[in-house]
PDB file of N, CA and C in Angstrom:
ATOM      1  N   UNK A   1      -9.028   3.037 -22.300  1.00  0.00           N
ATOM      2  CA  UNK A   1      -7.767   2.320 -22.329  1.00  0.00           C
ATOM      3  C   UNK A   1      -6.674   2.680 -23.543  1.00  0.00           C
ATOM      4  N   UNK A   2      -5.694   3.052 -22.905  1.00  0.00           N
ATOM      5  CA  UNK A   2      -4.258   3.294 -23.612  1.00  0.00           C
ATOM      6  C   UNK A   2      -4.373   2.358 -25.072  1.00  0.00           C
ATOM      7  N   UNK A   3      -4.236   3.113 -26.045  1.00  0.00           N
ATOM      8  CA  UNK A   3      -4.055   2.385 -27.445  1.00  0.00           C
ATOM      9  C   UNK A   3      -2.832   1.790 -28.134  1.00  0.00           C
ATOM     10  N   UNK A   4      -2.388   1.220 -28.679  1.00  0.00           N
ATOM     11  CA  UNK A   4      -1.079   0.522 -28.664  1.00  0.00           C
ATOM     12  C   UNK A   4       0.024   1.992 -29.525  1.00  0.00           C
ATOM     13  N   UNK A   5      -0.744   3.032 -30.201  1.00  0.00           N
ATOM     14  CA  UNK A   5       0.169   4.114 -30.282  1.00  0.00           C
ATOM     15  C   UNK A   5       0.346   5.283 -29.056  1.00  0.00           C
ATOM     16  N   UNK A   6      -0.516   5.140 -28.182  1.00  0.00           N
ATOM     17  CA  UNK A   6      -0.611   5.931 -26.912  1.00  0.00           C
ATOM     18  C   UNK A   6       0.714   5.362 -26.240  1.00  0.00           C
ATOM     19  N   UNK A   7       1.034   3.382 -26.060  1.00  0.00           N
ATOM     20  CA  UNK A   7       2.137   3.386 -25.068  1.00  0.00           C
ATOM     21  C   UNK A   7       3.497   3.538 -26.211  1.00  0.00           C
ATOM     22  N   UNK A   8       3.392   3.511 -27.283  1.00  0.00           N
ATOM     23  CA  UNK A   8       5.055   3.291 -28.211  1.00  0.00           C
ATOM     24  C   UNK A   8       4.744   4.978 -28.370  1.00  0.00           C
ATOM     25  N   UNK A   9       4.278   5.990 -27.809  1.00  0.00           N
ATOM     26  CA  UNK A   9       4.444   7.648 -27.798  1.00  0.00           C
ATOM     27  C   UNK A   9       5.493   7.476 -26.622  1.00  0.00           C
ATOM     28  N   UNK A  10       5.394   6.502 -25.387  1.00  0.00           N
ATOM     29  CA  UNK A  10       5.817   6.847 -24.387  1.00  0.00           C
ATOM     30  C   UNK A  10       6.776   5.661 -24.638  1.00  0.00           C
ATOM     31  N   UNK A  11       7.403   5.008 -25.502  1.00  0.00           N
ATOM     32  CA  UNK A  11       8.497   4.236 -25.075  1.00  0.00           C
ATOM     33  C   UNK A  11       8.091   2.955 -24.821  1.00  0.00           C
ATOM     34  N   UNK A  12       6.880   2.192 -24.632  1.00  0.00           N
ATOM     35  CA  UNK A  12       6.656   1.404 -24.197  1.00  0.00           C
ATOM     36  C   UNK A  12       6.139   0.036 -25.454  1.00  0.00           C
ATOM     37  N   UNK A  13       6.066  -0.906 -25.544  1.00  0.00           N
ATOM     38  CA  UNK A  13       5.247  -1.917 -26.274  1.00  0.00           C
ATOM     39  C   UNK A  13       4.246  -2.223 -25.885  1.00  0.00           C
ATOM     40  N   UNK A  14       2.868  -2.883 -26.332  1.00  0.00           N
ATOM     41  CA  UNK A  14       1.358  -3.589 -25.774  1.00  0.00           C
ATOM     42  C   UNK A  14       1.886  -4.815 -25.447  1.00  0.00           C
ATOM     43  N   UNK A  15       2.785  -5.536 -24.588  1.00  0.00           N
ATOM     44  CA  UNK A  15       3.117  -6.529 -24.562  1.00  0.00           C
ATOM     45  C   UNK A  15       1.279  -7.435 -24.161  1.00  0.00           C
ATOM     46  N   UNK A  16       1.363  -8.926 -24.095  1.00  0.00           N
ATOM     47  CA  UNK A  16       0.292  -9.302 -23.704  1.00  0.00           C
ATOM     48  C   UNK A  16      -0.062  -8.877 -22.105  1.00  0.00           C
ATOM     49  N   UNK A  17       0.807  -8.975 -21.621  1.00  0.00           N
ATOM     50  CA  UNK A  17       0.815  -8.596 -20.242  1.00  0.00           C
ATOM     51  C   UNK A  17       0.546  -7.699 -19.749  1.00  0.00           C
ATOM     52  N   UNK A  18       0.512  -6.580 -20.433  1.00  0.00           N
ATOM     53  CA  UNK A  18       0.636  -5.408 -20.476  1.00  0.00           C
ATOM     54  C   UNK A  18      -0.825  -5.257 -20.858  1.00  0.00           C
ATOM     55  N   UNK A  19      -1.519  -5.432 -22.100  1.00  0.00           N
ATOM     56  CA  UNK A  19      -2.702  -5.695 -22.242  1.00  0.00           C
ATOM     57  C   UNK A  19      -3.748  -5.966 -21.679  1.00  0.00           C
ATOM     58  N   UNK A  20      -3.775  -7.372 -20.577  1.00  0.00           N
ATOM     59  CA  UNK A  20      -4.248  -7.998 -19.595  1.00  0.00           C
ATOM     60  C   UNK A  20      -4.654  -7.070 -18.710  1.00  0.00           C
ATOM     61  N   UNK A  21      -3.566  -6.473 -18.364  1.00  0.00           N
ATOM     62  CA  UNK A  21      -3.292  -5.161 -16.945  1.00  0.00           C
ATOM     63  C   UNK A  21      -4.493  -4.257 -17.172  1.00  0.00           C
ATOM     64  N   UNK A  22      -4.283  -3.456 -18.372  1.00  0.00           N
ATOM     65  CA  UNK A  22      -5.271  -2.592 -19.130  1.00  0.00           C
ATOM     66  C   UNK A  22      -6.473  -2.828 -19.326  1.00  0.00           C
ATOM     67  N   UNK A  23      -6.690  -3.614 -19.732  1.00  0.00           N
ATOM     68  CA  UNK A  23      -8.163  -4.240 -19.905  1.00  0.00           C
ATOM     69  C   UNK A  23      -8.538  -4.876 -18.453  1.00  0.00           C
ATOM     70  N   UNK A  24      -8.404  -5.304 -17.872  1.00  0.00           N
ATOM     71  CA  UNK A  24      -8.738  -5.136 -16.587  1.00  0.00           C
ATOM     72  C   UNK A  24      -8.723  -4.290 -15.623  1.00  0.00           C
ATOM     73  N   UNK A  25      -7.851  -3.464 -15.601  1.00  0.00           N
ATOM     74  CA  UNK A  25      -8.111  -1.556 -15.047  1.00  0.00           C
ATOM     75  C   UNK A  25      -9.247  -1.151 -15.804  1.00  0.00           C
ATOM     76  N   UNK A  26      -9.437  -0.985 -16.657  1.00  0.00           N
ATOM     77  CA  UNK A  26     -10.476  -0.675 -17.554  1.00  0.00           C
ATOM     78  C   UNK A  26     -11.597  -1.184 -17.252  1.00  0.00           C
ATOM     79  N   UNK A  27     -11.911  -2.221 -17.035  1.00  0.00           N
ATOM     80  CA  UNK A  27     -13.148  -2.752 -16.507  1.00  0.00           C
ATOM     81  C   UNK A  27     -13.809  -3.140 -15.093  1.00  0.00           C
ATOM     82  N   UNK A  28     -12.538  -2.804 -14.143  1.00  0.00           N
ATOM     83  CA  UNK A  28     -12.988  -2.828 -13.034  1.00  0.00           C
ATOM     84  C   UNK A  28     -13.162  -1.482 -12.488  1.00  0.00           C
ATOM     85  N   UNK A  29     -12.251  -0.214 -13.132  1.00  0.00           N
ATOM     86  CA  UNK A  29     -12.334   0.770 -12.351  1.00  0.00           C
ATOM     87  C   UNK A  29     -11.460   0.555 -11.920  1.00  0.00           C
ATOM     88  N   UNK A  30     -11.621   1.432 -10.706  1.00  0.00           N
ATOM     89  CA  UNK A  30     -10.948   1.792  -9.071  1.00  0.00           C
ATOM     90  C   UNK A  30     -10.774   0.559  -8.598  1.00  0.00           C
ATOM     91  N   UNK A  31      -9.349  -0.118  -8.858  1.00  0.00           N
ATOM     92  CA  UNK A  31      -9.122  -1.617  -8.027  1.00  0.00           C
ATOM     93  C   UNK A  31      -7.962  -1.546  -7.461  1.00  0.00           C
ATOM     94  N   UNK A  32      -7.561  -2.391  -6.659  1.00  0.00           N
ATOM     95  CA  UNK A  32      -6.585  -2.781  -5.825  1.00  0.00           C
ATOM     96  C   UNK A  32      -5.554  -3.990  -7.053  1.00  0.00           C
ATOM     97  N   UNK A  33      -4.182  -3.703  -6.848  1.00  0.00           N
ATOM     98  CA  UNK A  33      -3.697  -4.408  -7.554  1.00  0.00           C
ATOM     99  C   UNK A  33      -4.112  -5.924  -7.287  1.00  0.00           C
ATOM    100  N   UNK A  34      -4.312  -6.002  -6.494  1.00  0.00           N
ATOM    101  CA  UNK A  34      -4.664  -7.808  -6.116  1.00  0.00           C
ATOM    102  C   UNK A  34      -6.092  -7.860  -6.819  1.00  0.00           C
ATOM    103  N   UNK A  35      -7.264  -6.716  -6.833  1.00  0.00           N
ATOM    104  CA  UNK A  35      -8.248  -7.227  -7.626  1.00  0.00           C
ATOM    105  C   UNK A  35      -7.976  -7.523  -9.147  1.00  0.00           C
ATOM    106  N   UNK A  36      -7.049  -6.630  -9.768  1.00  0.00           N
ATOM    107  CA  UNK A  36      -6.674  -6.413 -11.473  1.00  0.00           C
ATOM    108  C   UNK A  36      -5.957  -8.306 -11.406  1.00  0.00           C
ATOM    109  N   UNK A  37      -4.889  -8.714 -10.357  1.00  0.00           N
ATOM    110  CA  UNK A  37      -4.472  -9.499 -10.338  1.00  0.00           C
ATOM    111  C   UNK A  37      -5.767 -10.696 -10.371  1.00  0.00           C
ATOM    112  N   UNK A  38      -6.661 -10.633  -9.549  1.00  0.00           N
ATOM    113  CA  UNK A  38      -7.734 -11.814  -9.822  1.00  0.00           C
ATOM    114  C   UNK A  38      -8.650 -11.717 -10.929  1.00  0.00           C
ATOM    115  N   UNK A  39      -9.114 -11.140 -11.259  1.00  0.00           N
ATOM    116  CA  UNK A  39      -9.718 -10.833 -12.800  1.00  0.00           C
ATOM    117  C   UNK A  39      -8.539 -11.460 -13.938  1.00  0.00           C
ATOM    118  N   UNK A  40      -7.668 -10.818 -13.521  1.00  0.00           N
ATOM    119  CA  UNK A  40      -6.561 -11.837 -14.853  1.00  0.00           C
ATOM    120  C   UNK A  40      -6.696 -13.383 -14.545  1.00  0.00           C
ATOM    121  N   UNK A  41      -6.600 -13.381 -13.209  1.00  0.00           N
ATOM    122  CA  UNK A  41      -6.264 -15.076 -13.517  1.00  0.00           C
ATOM    123  C   UNK A  41      -7.387 -15.748 -13.516  1.00  0.00           C
ATOM    124  N   UNK A  42      -8.537 -15.305 -13.742  1.00  0.00           N
ATOM    125  CA  UNK A  42      -9.876 -16.326 -14.252  1.00  0.00           C
ATOM    126  C   UNK A  42      -9.381 -16.775 -15.634  1.00  0.00           C
ATOM    127  N   UNK A  43      -8.622 -15.899 -16.487  1.00  0.00           N
ATOM    128  CA  UNK A  43      -8.891 -16.318 -17.508  1.00  0.00           C
ATOM    129  C   UNK A  43      -7.137 -16.582 -18.144  1.00  0.00           C
ATOM    130  N   UNK A  44      -6.310 -16.212 -17.294  1.00  0.00           N
ATOM    131  CA  UNK A  44      -4.755 -16.416 -17.435  1.00  0.00           C
ATOM    132  C   UNK A  44      -3.713 -16.385 -16.251  1.00  0.00           C
ATOM    133  N   UNK A  45      -4.205 -17.779 -15.557  1.00  0.00           N
ATOM    134  CA  UNK A  45      -3.456 -18.470 -14.512  1.00  0.00           C
ATOM    135  C   UNK A  45      -2.167 -18.333 -14.280  1.00  0.00           C
ATOM    136  N   UNK A  46      -1.319 -18.056 -15.167  1.00  0.00           N
ATOM    137  CA  UNK A  46      -0.214 -18.052 -15.174  1.00  0.00           C
ATOM    138  C   UNK A  46       0.308 -17.076 -14.895  1.00  0.00           C
ATOM    139  N   UNK A  47      -0.240 -15.611 -14.951  1.00  0.00           N
ATOM    140  CA  UNK A  47       0.159 -14.372 -14.781  1.00  0.00           C
ATOM    141  C   UNK A  47      -0.242 -13.877 -13.161  1.00  0.00           C
ATOM    142  N   UNK A  48       1.319 -13.825 -12.516  1.00  0.00           N
ATOM    143  CA  UNK A  48       1.200 -13.948 -11.619  1.00  0.00           C
ATOM    144  C   UNK A  48       1.401 -12.326 -10.406  1.00  0.00           C
ATOM    145  N   UNK A  49       1.275 -11.675  -9.993  1.00  0.00           N
ATOM    146  CA  UNK A  49       0.737 -10.525  -8.716  1.00  0.00           C
ATOM    147  C   UNK A  49       1.826  -9.786  -8.558  1.00  0.00           C
ATOM    148  N   UNK A  50       2.886 -10.462  -8.952  1.00  0.00           N
ATOM    149  CA  UNK A  50       4.692  -9.213  -9.090  1.00  0.00           C
ATOM    150  C   UNK A  50       4.637  -8.942 -10.847  1.00  0.00           C
ATOM    151  N   UNK A  51       3.906  -9.335 -11.661  1.00  0.00           N
ATOM    152  CA  UNK A  51       3.584  -9.077 -12.829  1.00  0.00           C
ATOM    153  C   UNK A  51       2.763  -7.659 -13.091  1.00  0.00           C
ATOM    154  N   UNK A  52       1.439  -8.217 -12.862  1.00  0.00           N
ATOM    155  CA  UNK A  52       0.704  -7.120 -12.566  1.00  0.00           C
ATOM    156  C   UNK A  52       1.372  -5.742 -11.814  1.00  0.00           C
ATOM    157  N   UNK A  53       1.651  -5.756 -10.854  1.00  0.00           N
ATOM    158  CA  UNK A  53       2.371  -4.934  -9.975  1.00  0.00           C
ATOM    159  C   UNK A  53       3.701  -3.613 -10.600  1.00  0.00           C
ATOM    160  N   UNK A  54       4.503  -5.073 -11.231  1.00  0.00           N
ATOM    161  CA  UNK A  54       5.290  -4.207 -12.378  1.00  0.00           C
ATOM    162  C   UNK A  54       4.524  -3.561 -13.539  1.00  0.00           C
ATOM    163  N   UNK A  55       3.450  -4.464 -13.947  1.00  0.00           N
ATOM    164  CA  UNK A  55       2.876  -3.399 -15.392  1.00  0.00           C
ATOM    165  C   UNK A  55       2.120  -2.271 -14.296  1.00  0.00           C
ATOM    166  N   UNK A  56       1.636  -2.524 -13.978  1.00  0.00           N
ATOM    167  CA  UNK A  56       0.872  -0.975 -13.004  1.00  0.00           C
ATOM    168  C   UNK A  56       1.636  -0.185 -12.836  1.00  0.00           C
ATOM    169  N   UNK A  57       3.252  -0.456 -12.188  1.00  0.00           N
ATOM    170  CA  UNK A  57       4.033   0.688 -11.888  1.00  0.00           C
ATOM    171  C   UNK A  57       4.541   1.517 -13.114  1.00  0.00           C
ATOM    172  N   UNK A  58       4.488   0.185 -13.950  1.00  0.00           N
ATOM    173  CA  UNK A  58       5.139   1.429 -15.636  1.00  0.00           C
ATOM    174  C   UNK A  58       4.480   1.810 -16.197  1.00  0.00           C
ATOM    175  N   UNK A  59       3.035   1.578 -16.097  1.00  0.00           N
ATOM    176  CA  UNK A  59       2.173   2.567 -16.744  1.00  0.00           C
ATOM    177  C   UNK A  59       1.703   3.323 -15.905  1.00  0.00           C
ATOM    178  N   UNK A  60       2.195   3.540 -14.520  1.00  0.00           N
ATOM    179  CA  UNK A  60       2.154   4.835 -13.968  1.00  0.00           C
ATOM    180  C   UNK A  60       2.526   5.935 -13.848  1.00  0.00           C
ATOM    181  N   UNK A  61       4.024   4.803 -14.111  1.00  0.00           N
ATOM    182  CA  UNK A  61       5.267   6.097 -14.570  1.00  0.00           C
ATOM    183  C   UNK A  61       5.319   6.830 -15.590  1.00  0.00           C
ATOM    184  N   UNK A  62       4.530   6.592 -16.536  1.00  0.00           N
ATOM    185  CA  UNK A  62       4.444   7.271 -18.316  1.00  0.00           C
ATOM    186  C   UNK A  62       2.868   8.184 -17.834  1.00  0.00           C
ATOM    187  N   UNK A  63       2.439   7.567 -16.955  1.00  0.00           N
ATOM    188  CA  UNK A  63       0.673   8.870 -16.908  1.00  0.00           C
ATOM    189  C   UNK A  63      -0.032   7.864 -17.469  1.00  0.00           C
ATOM    190  N   UNK A  64      -0.208   6.604 -17.578  1.00  0.00           N
ATOM    191  CA  UNK A  64      -1.309   5.851 -18.108  1.00  0.00           C
ATOM    192  C   UNK A  64      -2.625   5.346 -17.072  1.00  0.00           C
ATOM    193  N   UNK A  65      -1.986   5.234 -16.004  1.00  0.00           N
ATOM    194  CA  UNK A  65      -2.881   4.888 -15.061  1.00  0.00           C
ATOM    195  C   UNK A  65      -2.506   5.523 -13.456  1.00  0.00           C
ATOM    196  N   UNK A  66      -3.362   6.037 -13.109  1.00  0.00           N
ATOM    197  CA  UNK A  66      -3.480   6.878 -11.335  1.00  0.00           C
ATOM    198  C   UNK A  66      -3.026   6.127 -10.171  1.00  0.00           C
ATOM    199  N   UNK A  67      -2.285   6.336  -9.687  1.00  0.00           N
ATOM    200  CA  UNK A  67      -1.971   5.531  -8.341  1.00  0.00           C
ATOM    201  C   UNK A  67      -2.786   6.290  -7.092  1.00  0.00           C
ATOM    202  N   UNK A  68      -4.166   6.081  -6.585  1.00  0.00           N
ATOM    203  CA  UNK A  68      -4.338   6.366  -5.064  1.00  0.00           C
ATOM    204  C   UNK A  68      -4.598   5.783  -4.017  1.00  0.00           C
ATOM    205  N   UNK A  69      -4.441   6.269  -2.772  1.00  0.00           N
ATOM    206  CA  UNK A  69      -4.541   5.850  -1.806  1.00  0.00           C
ATOM    207  C   UNK A  69      -5.977   5.783  -1.139  1.00  0.00           C
TER     208      UNK A  69
END
């Protein structure tokens, strides 16, 4: 999982939402955004799917997660 210093080096902060997404990706491995959102919703039902997509896109843009087809 990305560490806070890795995010800062790329100009990002480790927000609570970003941390939830990173933790879910780490725990699930290869997963769809819907899988990541479902995992997060178990403990944080206020985090919506658009937040997951936005954070995954941001993390992909800086090379911390990989989008596959």
